Amino acid sequence: MNKIIVLGLLSFISVSLTACGGCPLIAGCNGTDPSPYYITTASNQVRGIPVPAQTKLTYKSQHFRQEFQQIHALKEKNLTAIALPENTAIVWGGMPVDMFIQFYNPEMKGFSVYPAKGFKTELSNEFLRLWKSCESNLNINLKDPNDWSFNPKNMEITGCGVVFQKRSEYTEDSFRQDEADEFLKKMNHALQQLPKQQDYSVIQQKTK
């Protein structure tokens, strides 16, 4: 009897984890993301960032029929992600990047920005050296959530990869968290020494 109860609980947990793992919310059970998106046909500026043609802009759906590719750009206030074309990056904060994703939690005002793979970075300041050292995306809180430009006065870095994350109520490893706190303190200090970016270069990799 106990074995039956345990197996039943395990089955329930398995189903629950599948549901919570993103199936209905992110990609649907067939593995396809139904979110509405638009592929730009010309260079444009989105959330303060100049983006080239063929950039994919993903939005939060406003009704059940608004899904998959759209024939025109939707309202910018509903934007959730920017993905540059393959083998293309923009220099953002001195780092070649190719993707911006808004935080899923609506109470968190900000986004994650992802370094583009395969591009060389000139480590010209402490901010870039620290970012490069964690080899991952940055999580950034914003005062103005509609401004995704590189504007240090609008930004607070709350994470770099999975290791360096801002302390929270879920923190358990205090020694490791002390290390993360110190790293983020240094990174935010280095960030605030930099000016707001005015120009954003678009760079491309040569395809073989």
N, C-alpha and C. Protein backbone atom coordinates (compact mmCIF):
# COMPACT_ATOMS: atom_id res chain seq x y z
N MET A 1 0.83 -1.21 0.00
CA MET A 1 0.00 0.00 0.00
C MET A 1 0.87 1.26 0.00
N ASN A 2 1.92 1.22 0.85
CA ASN A 2 2.81 2.38 0.93
C ASN A 2 3.53 2.62 -0.40
N LYS A 3 3.89 1.47 -1.07
CA LYS A 3 4.57 1.61 -2.37
C LYS A 3 3.66 2.27 -3.40
N ILE A 4 2.38 1.92 -3.35
CA ILE A 4 1.42 2.50 -4.29
C ILE A 4 1.29 4.00 -4.06
N ILE A 5 1.25 4.40 -2.78
CA ILE A 5 1.13 5.82 -2.44
C ILE A 5 2.35 6.58 -2.92
N VAL A 6 3.56 5.99 -2.68
CA VAL A 6 4.80 6.65 -3.09
C VAL A 6 4.87 6.80 -4.59
N LEU A 7 4.50 5.73 -5.33
CA LEU A 7 4.52 5.80 -6.79
C LEU A 7 3.54 6.84 -7.31
N GLY A 8 2.39 6.92 -6.66
CA GLY A 8 1.40 7.92 -7.05
C GLY A 8 1.91 9.32 -6.84
N LEU A 9 2.60 9.54 -5.71
CA LEU A 9 3.15 10.87 -5.43
C LEU A 9 4.24 11.22 -6.42
N LEU A 10 5.09 10.23 -6.76
CA LEU A 10 6.15 10.48 -7.73
C LEU A 10 5.59 10.84 -9.09
N SER A 11 4.52 10.17 -9.49
CA SER A 11 3.88 10.47 -10.77
C SER A 11 3.32 11.88 -10.78
N PHE A 12 2.70 12.27 -9.66
CA PHE A 12 2.13 13.60 -9.54
C PHE A 12 3.21 14.67 -9.61
N ILE A 13 4.33 14.40 -8.89
CA ILE A 13 5.45 15.35 -8.90
C ILE A 13 6.01 15.49 -10.30
N SER A 14 6.14 14.34 -11.00
CA SER A 14 6.68 14.36 -12.36
C SER A 14 5.82 15.20 -13.29
N VAL A 15 4.50 15.03 -13.20
CA VAL A 15 3.58 15.81 -14.03
C VAL A 15 3.66 17.28 -13.68
N SER A 16 3.74 17.57 -12.38
CA SER A 16 3.81 18.97 -11.92
C SER A 16 5.06 19.64 -12.42
N LEU A 17 6.20 18.92 -12.35
CA LEU A 17 7.46 19.50 -12.81
C LEU A 17 7.43 19.76 -14.30
N THR A 18 6.79 18.86 -15.05
CA THR A 18 6.69 19.06 -16.50
C THR A 18 5.89 20.32 -16.80
N ALA A 19 4.82 20.54 -16.05
CA ALA A 19 3.99 21.72 -16.26
C ALA A 19 4.72 22.98 -15.87
N CYS A 20 5.51 22.89 -14.76
CA CYS A 20 6.21 24.07 -14.27
C CYS A 20 7.50 24.32 -15.05
N GLY A 21 7.95 23.34 -15.82
CA GLY A 21 9.21 23.48 -16.52
C GLY A 21 9.14 24.33 -17.76
N GLY A 22 7.99 24.91 -18.06
CA GLY A 22 7.91 25.84 -19.17
C GLY A 22 7.02 25.38 -20.30
N CYS A 23 6.49 24.17 -20.24
CA CYS A 23 5.71 23.64 -21.36
C CYS A 23 4.57 24.55 -21.78
N PRO A 24 3.58 24.86 -20.90
CA PRO A 24 2.46 25.69 -21.37
C PRO A 24 2.79 27.17 -21.43
N LEU A 25 3.81 27.60 -20.67
CA LEU A 25 4.08 29.03 -20.56
C LEU A 25 5.10 29.51 -21.59
N ILE A 26 6.07 28.68 -21.90
CA ILE A 26 7.18 29.15 -22.72
C ILE A 26 7.16 28.55 -24.12
N ALA A 27 7.08 27.24 -24.22
CA ALA A 27 7.24 26.63 -25.52
C ALA A 27 6.05 25.80 -25.98
N GLY A 28 5.07 25.62 -25.12
CA GLY A 28 3.97 24.77 -25.50
C GLY A 28 4.43 23.31 -25.47
N CYS A 29 3.49 22.39 -25.40
CA CYS A 29 3.85 20.97 -25.25
C CYS A 29 4.41 20.36 -26.52
N ASN A 30 4.31 21.03 -27.64
CA ASN A 30 4.90 20.50 -28.86
C ASN A 30 6.29 21.08 -29.11
N GLY A 31 6.80 21.86 -28.14
CA GLY A 31 8.14 22.41 -28.25
C GLY A 31 8.22 23.69 -29.07
N THR A 32 7.09 24.23 -29.48
CA THR A 32 7.07 25.45 -30.29
C THR A 32 6.56 26.62 -29.45
N ASP A 33 7.33 27.70 -29.44
CA ASP A 33 6.93 28.89 -28.69
C ASP A 33 5.84 29.63 -29.47
N PRO A 34 4.63 29.77 -28.91
CA PRO A 34 3.54 30.44 -29.64
C PRO A 34 3.56 31.96 -29.52
N SER A 35 4.54 32.50 -28.78
CA SER A 35 4.56 33.95 -28.57
C SER A 35 4.61 34.69 -29.91
N PRO A 36 3.89 35.81 -30.02
CA PRO A 36 3.96 36.59 -31.26
C PRO A 36 5.34 37.20 -31.43
N TYR A 37 5.83 37.22 -32.66
CA TYR A 37 7.13 37.83 -32.93
C TYR A 37 7.11 38.49 -34.30
N TYR A 38 8.06 39.39 -34.47
CA TYR A 38 8.19 40.12 -35.74
C TYR A 38 9.66 40.14 -36.13
N ILE A 39 9.95 39.88 -37.40
CA ILE A 39 11.31 39.95 -37.93
C ILE A 39 11.46 41.29 -38.64
N THR A 40 12.36 42.13 -38.15
CA THR A 40 12.51 43.47 -38.72
C THR A 40 13.00 43.39 -40.17
N THR A 41 12.52 44.30 -40.99
CA THR A 41 12.91 44.33 -42.40
C THR A 41 13.92 45.44 -42.69
N ALA A 42 14.19 46.27 -41.69
CA ALA A 42 15.15 47.36 -41.84
C ALA A 42 15.73 47.67 -40.47
N SER A 43 16.81 48.43 -40.44
CA SER A 43 17.38 48.85 -39.16
C SER A 43 16.35 49.67 -38.39
N ASN A 44 16.34 49.49 -37.08
CA ASN A 44 15.34 50.15 -36.26
C ASN A 44 15.91 50.39 -34.87
N GLN A 45 15.20 51.15 -34.07
CA GLN A 45 15.59 51.35 -32.68
C GLN A 45 14.49 50.79 -31.79
N VAL A 46 14.88 49.90 -30.87
CA VAL A 46 13.93 49.24 -29.99
C VAL A 46 14.42 49.34 -28.55
N ARG A 47 13.60 49.88 -27.67
CA ARG A 47 13.97 50.08 -26.27
C ARG A 47 15.31 50.82 -26.14
N GLY A 48 15.53 51.76 -27.05
CA GLY A 48 16.75 52.57 -27.00
C GLY A 48 17.96 51.92 -27.61
N ILE A 49 17.78 50.73 -28.23
CA ILE A 49 18.90 50.00 -28.83
C ILE A 49 18.72 49.94 -30.35
N PRO A 50 19.69 50.40 -31.12
CA PRO A 50 19.61 50.23 -32.57
C PRO A 50 19.80 48.76 -32.94
N VAL A 51 18.89 48.20 -33.73
CA VAL A 51 19.01 46.80 -34.14
C VAL A 51 18.96 46.71 -35.66
N PRO A 52 19.69 45.75 -36.24
CA PRO A 52 19.72 45.61 -37.70
C PRO A 52 18.49 44.88 -38.24
N ALA A 53 18.37 44.88 -39.55
CA ALA A 53 17.31 44.10 -40.21
C ALA A 53 17.48 42.62 -39.87
N GLN A 54 16.38 41.89 -39.88
CA GLN A 54 16.33 40.46 -39.57
C GLN A 54 16.46 40.16 -38.08
N THR A 55 16.29 41.18 -37.25
CA THR A 55 16.25 40.98 -35.80
C THR A 55 14.87 40.47 -35.41
N LYS A 56 14.84 39.49 -34.51
CA LYS A 56 13.57 38.92 -34.06
C LYS A 56 13.13 39.62 -32.78
N LEU A 57 11.94 40.23 -32.82
CA LEU A 57 11.35 40.90 -31.66
C LEU A 57 10.19 40.04 -31.16
N THR A 58 10.26 39.60 -29.93
CA THR A 58 9.22 38.75 -29.35
C THR A 58 8.40 39.56 -28.35
N TYR A 59 7.10 39.30 -28.31
CA TYR A 59 6.17 40.09 -27.51
C TYR A 59 5.31 39.20 -26.61
N LYS A 60 4.75 39.81 -25.60
CA LYS A 60 3.75 39.15 -24.77
C LYS A 60 2.42 39.23 -25.50
N SER A 61 1.78 38.08 -25.69
CA SER A 61 0.52 38.03 -26.44
C SER A 61 -0.57 38.79 -25.69
N GLN A 62 -1.38 39.54 -26.43
CA GLN A 62 -2.45 40.33 -25.83
C GLN A 62 -3.82 39.67 -25.99
N HIS A 63 -3.92 38.64 -26.82
CA HIS A 63 -5.16 37.87 -26.92
C HIS A 63 -4.83 36.52 -27.55
N PHE A 64 -5.74 35.56 -27.45
CA PHE A 64 -5.42 34.17 -27.80
C PHE A 64 -5.09 33.97 -29.28
N ARG A 65 -5.51 34.86 -30.15
CA ARG A 65 -5.20 34.72 -31.57
C ARG A 65 -3.88 35.37 -31.96
N GLN A 66 -3.30 36.11 -31.05
CA GLN A 66 -2.05 36.81 -31.35
C GLN A 66 -0.88 35.89 -31.02
N GLU A 67 -0.43 35.14 -32.01
CA GLU A 67 0.65 34.20 -31.79
C GLU A 67 1.46 34.00 -33.07
N PHE A 68 2.67 33.49 -32.88
CA PHE A 68 3.61 33.22 -33.97
C PHE A 68 3.95 34.50 -34.76
N GLN A 69 4.44 34.36 -35.99
CA GLN A 69 4.99 35.51 -36.72
C GLN A 69 3.90 36.51 -37.11
N GLN A 70 4.25 37.80 -36.93
CA GLN A 70 3.35 38.91 -37.24
C GLN A 70 3.83 39.63 -38.50
N ILE A 71 2.92 40.32 -39.16
CA ILE A 71 3.30 41.02 -40.39
C ILE A 71 3.80 42.44 -40.12
N HIS A 72 3.67 42.88 -38.87
CA HIS A 72 4.19 44.19 -38.50
C HIS A 72 4.59 44.16 -37.04
N ALA A 73 5.41 45.13 -36.63
CA ALA A 73 5.84 45.20 -35.24
C ALA A 73 4.65 45.49 -34.34
N LEU A 74 4.66 44.89 -33.14
CA LEU A 74 3.60 45.14 -32.16
C LEU A 74 4.02 46.27 -31.22
N LYS A 75 3.20 46.55 -30.22
CA LYS A 75 3.50 47.65 -29.30
C LYS A 75 4.76 47.34 -28.49
N GLU A 76 5.66 48.32 -28.47
CA GLU A 76 6.94 48.12 -27.80
C GLU A 76 6.79 47.84 -26.31
N LYS A 77 5.73 48.36 -25.69
CA LYS A 77 5.54 48.14 -24.26
C LYS A 77 5.32 46.66 -23.94
N ASN A 78 4.96 45.85 -24.95
CA ASN A 78 4.73 44.42 -24.75
C ASN A 78 5.91 43.57 -25.18
N LEU A 79 7.03 44.20 -25.52
CA LEU A 79 8.22 43.49 -25.95
C LEU A 79 8.80 42.67 -24.80
N THR A 80 9.22 41.44 -25.09
CA THR A 80 9.83 40.59 -24.07
C THR A 80 11.25 40.14 -24.43
N ALA A 81 11.61 40.21 -25.72
CA ALA A 81 12.95 39.74 -26.10
C ALA A 81 13.39 40.34 -27.42
N ILE A 82 14.71 40.49 -27.55
CA ILE A 82 15.34 40.92 -28.79
C ILE A 82 16.42 39.90 -29.12
N ALA A 83 16.36 39.32 -30.31
CA ALA A 83 17.37 38.36 -30.74
C ALA A 83 17.92 38.80 -32.09
N LEU A 84 19.20 39.10 -32.14
CA LEU A 84 19.82 39.54 -33.39
C LEU A 84 19.97 38.37 -34.36
N PRO A 85 20.15 38.68 -35.65
CA PRO A 85 20.34 37.62 -36.64
C PRO A 85 21.57 36.77 -36.32
N GLU A 86 21.61 35.57 -36.86
CA GLU A 86 22.74 34.66 -36.66
C GLU A 86 24.03 35.31 -37.15
N ASN A 87 25.09 35.10 -36.39
CA ASN A 87 26.43 35.62 -36.71
C ASN A 87 26.50 37.15 -36.68
N THR A 88 25.57 37.77 -35.97
CA THR A 88 25.53 39.23 -35.86
C THR A 88 25.45 39.63 -34.40
N ALA A 89 26.12 40.72 -34.06
CA ALA A 89 26.09 41.24 -32.68
C ALA A 89 26.13 42.75 -32.72
N ILE A 90 25.73 43.36 -31.62
CA ILE A 90 25.96 44.79 -31.43
C ILE A 90 26.89 44.95 -30.24
N VAL A 91 27.70 45.99 -30.28
CA VAL A 91 28.60 46.26 -29.16
C VAL A 91 27.83 47.06 -28.13
N TRP A 92 27.54 46.42 -27.01
CA TRP A 92 26.73 47.00 -25.93
C TRP A 92 27.57 47.02 -24.67
N GLY A 93 27.92 48.22 -24.21
CA GLY A 93 28.79 48.31 -23.04
C GLY A 93 30.20 47.81 -23.29
N GLY A 94 30.60 47.76 -24.58
CA GLY A 94 31.93 47.26 -24.93
C GLY A 94 31.95 45.77 -25.22
N MET A 95 30.83 45.07 -24.99
CA MET A 95 30.75 43.63 -25.20
C MET A 95 29.87 43.31 -26.41
N PRO A 96 30.32 42.47 -27.34
CA PRO A 96 29.43 42.03 -28.42
C PRO A 96 28.31 41.16 -27.82
N VAL A 97 27.07 41.56 -28.05
CA VAL A 97 25.93 40.82 -27.50
C VAL A 97 24.93 40.55 -28.63
N ASP A 98 24.11 39.51 -28.43
CA ASP A 98 23.15 39.20 -29.49
C ASP A 98 21.74 38.89 -28.99
N MET A 99 21.53 39.00 -27.67
CA MET A 99 20.18 38.70 -27.17
C MET A 99 19.89 39.45 -25.87
N PHE A 100 18.65 39.96 -25.78
CA PHE A 100 18.14 40.61 -24.58
C PHE A 100 16.81 39.93 -24.23
N ILE A 101 16.65 39.51 -22.99
CA ILE A 101 15.40 38.86 -22.58
C ILE A 101 14.89 39.52 -21.30
N GLN A 102 13.68 40.02 -21.34
CA GLN A 102 13.07 40.66 -20.18
C GLN A 102 12.83 39.64 -19.08
N PHE A 103 13.00 40.05 -17.81
CA PHE A 103 12.70 39.17 -16.70
C PHE A 103 11.26 38.68 -16.79
N TYR A 104 11.07 37.39 -16.54
CA TYR A 104 9.73 36.81 -16.64
C TYR A 104 8.82 37.32 -15.52
N ASN A 105 9.38 37.48 -14.32
CA ASN A 105 8.60 37.96 -13.17
C ASN A 105 8.26 39.43 -13.38
N PRO A 106 6.98 39.79 -13.49
CA PRO A 106 6.60 41.19 -13.75
C PRO A 106 6.98 42.15 -12.63
N GLU A 107 7.23 41.62 -11.43
CA GLU A 107 7.63 42.48 -10.32
C GLU A 107 9.10 42.89 -10.43
N MET A 108 9.85 42.18 -11.26
CA MET A 108 11.26 42.50 -11.46
C MET A 108 11.40 43.33 -12.73
N LYS A 109 11.89 44.54 -12.59
CA LYS A 109 11.99 45.46 -13.72
C LYS A 109 13.40 45.40 -14.31
N GLY A 110 13.55 44.62 -15.37
CA GLY A 110 14.87 44.53 -15.97
C GLY A 110 14.94 43.42 -16.99
N PHE A 111 16.19 43.04 -17.34
CA PHE A 111 16.39 42.05 -18.40
C PHE A 111 17.74 41.36 -18.22
N SER A 112 17.94 40.30 -19.00
CA SER A 112 19.24 39.65 -19.10
C SER A 112 19.81 39.93 -20.48
N VAL A 113 21.11 40.18 -20.53
CA VAL A 113 21.78 40.44 -21.81
C VAL A 113 22.86 39.39 -21.99
N TYR A 114 22.97 38.83 -23.22
CA TYR A 114 23.81 37.67 -23.48
C TYR A 114 24.97 38.00 -24.42
N PRO A 115 26.21 37.72 -24.01
CA PRO A 115 27.34 37.91 -24.90
C PRO A 115 27.22 37.00 -26.13
N ALA A 116 27.61 37.51 -27.28
CA ALA A 116 27.57 36.72 -28.51
C ALA A 116 28.80 35.82 -28.56
N LYS A 117 28.59 34.56 -28.88
CA LYS A 117 29.70 33.61 -28.93
C LYS A 117 30.51 33.79 -30.21
N GLY A 118 31.82 33.62 -30.07
CA GLY A 118 32.70 33.65 -31.23
C GLY A 118 33.24 35.01 -31.59
N PHE A 119 32.83 36.05 -30.84
CA PHE A 119 33.32 37.41 -31.11
C PHE A 119 34.42 37.76 -30.11
N LYS A 120 35.43 38.45 -30.59
CA LYS A 120 36.51 38.89 -29.72
C LYS A 120 36.10 40.16 -28.97
N THR A 121 36.55 40.25 -27.72
CA THR A 121 36.24 41.41 -26.89
C THR A 121 37.52 42.06 -26.41
N GLU A 122 37.62 43.35 -26.59
CA GLU A 122 38.76 44.10 -26.06
C GLU A 122 38.45 44.48 -24.62
N LEU A 123 39.19 43.91 -23.68
CA LEU A 123 38.93 44.14 -22.25
C LEU A 123 39.57 45.46 -21.83
N SER A 124 38.91 46.54 -22.20
CA SER A 124 39.50 47.87 -22.06
C SER A 124 39.22 48.53 -20.71
N ASN A 125 38.39 47.91 -19.87
CA ASN A 125 38.11 48.50 -18.56
C ASN A 125 37.74 47.41 -17.57
N GLU A 126 37.64 47.78 -16.30
CA GLU A 126 37.39 46.81 -15.24
C GLU A 126 36.02 46.15 -15.37
N PHE A 127 35.03 46.91 -15.81
CA PHE A 127 33.69 46.35 -16.00
C PHE A 127 33.73 45.18 -16.98
N LEU A 128 34.40 45.36 -18.12
CA LEU A 128 34.48 44.29 -19.12
C LEU A 128 35.31 43.11 -18.62
N ARG A 129 36.37 43.38 -17.88
CA ARG A 129 37.18 42.28 -17.34
C ARG A 129 36.37 41.43 -16.38
N LEU A 130 35.57 42.08 -15.53
CA LEU A 130 34.74 41.33 -14.59
C LEU A 130 33.65 40.55 -15.32
N TRP A 131 33.02 41.18 -16.31
CA TRP A 131 31.97 40.48 -17.07
C TRP A 131 32.56 39.27 -17.78
N LYS A 132 33.72 39.45 -18.41
CA LYS A 132 34.36 38.36 -19.13
C LYS A 132 34.74 37.23 -18.18
N SER A 133 35.09 37.56 -16.95
CA SER A 133 35.55 36.54 -16.00
C SER A 133 34.46 35.55 -15.62
N CYS A 134 33.19 35.97 -15.70
CA CYS A 134 32.12 35.03 -15.34
C CYS A 134 31.54 34.34 -16.57
N GLU A 135 31.98 34.78 -17.77
CA GLU A 135 31.65 34.09 -19.03
C GLU A 135 30.17 33.77 -19.17
N SER A 136 29.32 34.77 -18.90
CA SER A 136 27.88 34.48 -18.96
C SER A 136 27.08 35.75 -19.15
N ASN A 137 25.75 35.58 -19.08
CA ASN A 137 24.84 36.72 -19.22
C ASN A 137 24.83 37.58 -17.96
N LEU A 138 24.45 38.84 -18.15
CA LEU A 138 24.25 39.74 -17.01
C LEU A 138 22.76 39.88 -16.75
N ASN A 139 22.38 39.88 -15.46
CA ASN A 139 21.02 40.23 -15.06
C ASN A 139 21.04 41.65 -14.55
N ILE A 140 20.14 42.49 -15.07
CA ILE A 140 20.20 43.92 -14.78
C ILE A 140 18.84 44.46 -14.36
N ASN A 141 18.78 45.05 -13.18
CA ASN A 141 17.59 45.78 -12.75
C ASN A 141 17.65 47.19 -13.33
N LEU A 142 16.48 47.73 -13.69
CA LEU A 142 16.41 49.05 -14.32
C LEU A 142 15.50 49.99 -13.55
N LYS A 143 15.89 51.25 -13.48
CA LYS A 143 14.99 52.27 -12.95
C LYS A 143 13.87 52.54 -13.96
N ASP A 144 14.25 52.69 -15.21
CA ASP A 144 13.28 52.83 -16.31
C ASP A 144 13.29 51.54 -17.10
N PRO A 145 12.30 50.66 -16.91
CA PRO A 145 12.30 49.35 -17.56
C PRO A 145 12.16 49.38 -19.07
N ASN A 146 11.83 50.54 -19.62
CA ASN A 146 11.67 50.66 -21.07
C ASN A 146 12.96 51.08 -21.78
N ASP A 147 14.02 51.32 -21.01
CA ASP A 147 15.29 51.75 -21.58
C ASP A 147 16.31 50.63 -21.43
N TRP A 148 16.61 49.94 -22.53
CA TRP A 148 17.57 48.85 -22.52
C TRP A 148 18.92 49.27 -23.08
N SER A 149 19.11 50.55 -23.25
CA SER A 149 20.40 51.05 -23.72
C SER A 149 21.44 50.88 -22.60
N PHE A 150 22.72 51.02 -22.98
CA PHE A 150 23.77 50.94 -21.96
C PHE A 150 23.86 52.30 -21.28
N ASN A 151 23.13 52.42 -20.18
CA ASN A 151 23.03 53.67 -19.44
C ASN A 151 23.26 53.36 -17.96
N PRO A 152 24.51 53.44 -17.48
CA PRO A 152 24.83 53.04 -16.11
C PRO A 152 23.95 53.67 -15.04
N LYS A 153 23.50 54.89 -15.23
CA LYS A 153 22.67 55.55 -14.22
C LYS A 153 21.28 54.91 -14.10
N ASN A 154 20.93 54.10 -15.09
CA ASN A 154 19.63 53.43 -15.09
C ASN A 154 19.73 51.97 -14.63
N MET A 155 20.96 51.52 -14.34
CA MET A 155 21.20 50.08 -14.19
C MET A 155 21.77 49.68 -12.83
N GLU A 156 21.38 48.49 -12.39
CA GLU A 156 22.04 47.80 -11.27
C GLU A 156 22.22 46.34 -11.68
N ILE A 157 23.45 45.86 -11.66
CA ILE A 157 23.72 44.47 -12.01
C ILE A 157 23.40 43.59 -10.81
N THR A 158 22.53 42.62 -11.02
CA THR A 158 22.12 41.74 -9.92
C THR A 158 22.60 40.31 -10.10
N GLY A 159 23.24 40.03 -11.23
CA GLY A 159 23.75 38.69 -11.43
C GLY A 159 24.64 38.60 -12.65
N CYS A 160 25.60 37.66 -12.58
CA CYS A 160 26.46 37.35 -13.72
C CYS A 160 26.60 35.84 -13.75
N GLY A 161 25.86 35.20 -14.64
CA GLY A 161 25.84 33.75 -14.67
C GLY A 161 25.11 33.18 -13.46
N VAL A 162 25.30 31.89 -13.19
CA VAL A 162 24.60 31.24 -12.08
C VAL A 162 25.35 31.37 -10.76
N VAL A 163 26.63 31.69 -10.82
CA VAL A 163 27.44 31.74 -9.60
C VAL A 163 27.27 33.05 -8.85
N PHE A 164 27.30 34.17 -9.56
CA PHE A 164 27.25 35.48 -8.92
C PHE A 164 25.83 36.06 -9.01
N GLN A 165 25.07 35.85 -7.97
CA GLN A 165 23.69 36.32 -7.92
C GLN A 165 23.45 37.13 -6.65
N LYS A 166 22.60 38.14 -6.76
CA LYS A 166 22.28 38.99 -5.62
C LYS A 166 21.70 38.16 -4.49
N ARG A 167 22.06 38.50 -3.27
CA ARG A 167 21.58 37.78 -2.08
C ARG A 167 20.05 37.87 -2.00
N SER A 168 19.42 36.77 -1.60
CA SER A 168 17.97 36.74 -1.47
C SER A 168 17.59 35.89 -0.27
N GLU A 169 16.31 35.78 -0.02
CA GLU A 169 15.81 34.99 1.10
C GLU A 169 16.08 33.49 0.90
N TYR A 170 16.41 33.11 -0.33
CA TYR A 170 16.66 31.70 -0.62
C TYR A 170 18.14 31.33 -0.51
N THR A 171 19.00 32.32 -0.22
CA THR A 171 20.43 32.07 -0.11
C THR A 171 20.72 31.14 1.06
N GLU A 172 21.51 30.10 0.79
CA GLU A 172 21.86 29.13 1.83
C GLU A 172 23.36 29.10 2.11
N ASP A 173 24.17 29.15 1.06
CA ASP A 173 25.62 29.08 1.20
C ASP A 173 26.16 30.48 1.46
N SER A 174 26.30 30.86 2.73
CA SER A 174 26.68 32.22 3.06
C SER A 174 28.10 32.56 2.61
N PHE A 175 29.02 31.56 2.65
CA PHE A 175 30.39 31.84 2.23
C PHE A 175 30.42 32.18 0.75
N ARG A 176 29.74 31.37 -0.05
CA ARG A 176 29.72 31.62 -1.49
C ARG A 176 28.97 32.93 -1.79
N GLN A 177 27.94 33.22 -0.99
CA GLN A 177 27.18 34.44 -1.22
C GLN A 177 28.01 35.67 -0.89
N ASP A 178 28.85 35.58 0.13
CA ASP A 178 29.74 36.70 0.45
C ASP A 178 30.65 37.01 -0.74
N GLU A 179 31.11 35.95 -1.39
CA GLU A 179 31.96 36.10 -2.59
C GLU A 179 31.17 36.76 -3.72
N ALA A 180 29.92 36.32 -3.89
CA ALA A 180 29.07 36.90 -4.94
C ALA A 180 28.77 38.37 -4.65
N ASP A 181 28.50 38.68 -3.38
CA ASP A 181 28.22 40.07 -3.00
C ASP A 181 29.40 40.97 -3.34
N GLU A 182 30.59 40.50 -3.04
CA GLU A 182 31.79 41.30 -3.29
C GLU A 182 32.02 41.48 -4.79
N PHE A 183 31.79 40.42 -5.57
CA PHE A 183 31.94 40.50 -7.01
C PHE A 183 30.97 41.51 -7.62
N LEU A 184 29.68 41.43 -7.21
CA LEU A 184 28.68 42.34 -7.76
C LEU A 184 28.92 43.78 -7.31
N LYS A 185 29.44 43.95 -6.10
CA LYS A 185 29.79 45.30 -5.62
C LYS A 185 30.87 45.90 -6.51
N LYS A 186 31.90 45.11 -6.82
CA LYS A 186 32.99 45.59 -7.69
C LYS A 186 32.46 45.90 -9.09
N MET A 187 31.58 45.02 -9.58
CA MET A 187 31.07 45.19 -10.94
C MET A 187 30.21 46.43 -11.06
N ASN A 188 29.34 46.65 -10.07
CA ASN A 188 28.49 47.85 -10.12
C ASN A 188 29.31 49.12 -9.96
N HIS A 189 30.36 49.06 -9.15
CA HIS A 189 31.25 50.23 -9.00
C HIS A 189 31.93 50.53 -10.33
N ALA A 190 32.44 49.47 -11.00
CA ALA A 190 33.09 49.65 -12.30
C ALA A 190 32.10 50.16 -13.34
N LEU A 191 30.87 49.67 -13.28
CA LEU A 191 29.83 50.11 -14.21
C LEU A 191 29.59 51.60 -14.10
N GLN A 192 29.52 52.09 -12.88
CA GLN A 192 29.19 53.50 -12.66
C GLN A 192 30.31 54.46 -13.06
N GLN A 193 31.48 53.92 -13.38
CA GLN A 193 32.58 54.76 -13.87
C GLN A 193 32.47 55.02 -15.37
N LEU A 194 31.53 54.33 -16.02
CA LEU A 194 31.42 54.43 -17.48
C LEU A 194 30.32 55.39 -17.89
N PRO A 195 30.48 56.02 -19.05
CA PRO A 195 29.45 56.95 -19.54
C PRO A 195 28.32 56.20 -20.23
N LYS A 196 27.22 56.89 -20.45
CA LYS A 196 26.13 56.33 -21.25
C LYS A 196 26.61 56.15 -22.68
N GLN A 197 26.30 55.04 -23.27
CA GLN A 197 26.74 54.74 -24.63
C GLN A 197 25.90 55.52 -25.64
N GLN A 198 26.57 56.08 -26.61
CA GLN A 198 25.90 56.87 -27.64
C GLN A 198 25.76 56.12 -28.97
N ASP A 199 26.80 55.37 -29.34
CA ASP A 199 26.80 54.67 -30.63
C ASP A 199 26.90 53.16 -30.41
N TYR A 200 26.19 52.40 -31.23
CA TYR A 200 26.17 50.94 -31.12
C TYR A 200 26.59 50.33 -32.46
N SER A 201 27.82 49.81 -32.50
CA SER A 201 28.32 49.20 -33.73
C SER A 201 27.67 47.84 -33.95
N VAL A 202 27.33 47.56 -35.20
CA VAL A 202 26.84 46.24 -35.58
C VAL A 202 28.02 45.50 -36.20
N ILE A 203 28.32 44.31 -35.69
CA ILE A 203 29.45 43.54 -36.19
C ILE A 203 28.96 42.15 -36.61
N GLN A 204 29.67 41.55 -37.57
CA GLN A 204 29.28 40.24 -38.08
C GLN A 204 30.47 39.32 -38.17
N GLN A 205 30.19 38.03 -37.99
CA GLN A 205 31.21 37.01 -38.18
C GLN A 205 31.16 36.55 -39.63
N LYS A 206 32.32 36.20 -40.14
CA LYS A 206 32.35 35.64 -41.49
C LYS A 206 31.93 34.18 -41.42
N THR A 207 31.00 33.80 -42.25
CA THR A 207 30.55 32.41 -42.28
C THR A 207 31.45 31.61 -43.19
N LYS A 208 31.72 30.37 -42.78
CA LYS A 208 32.63 29.51 -43.55
C LYS A 208 31.91 28.95 -44.77
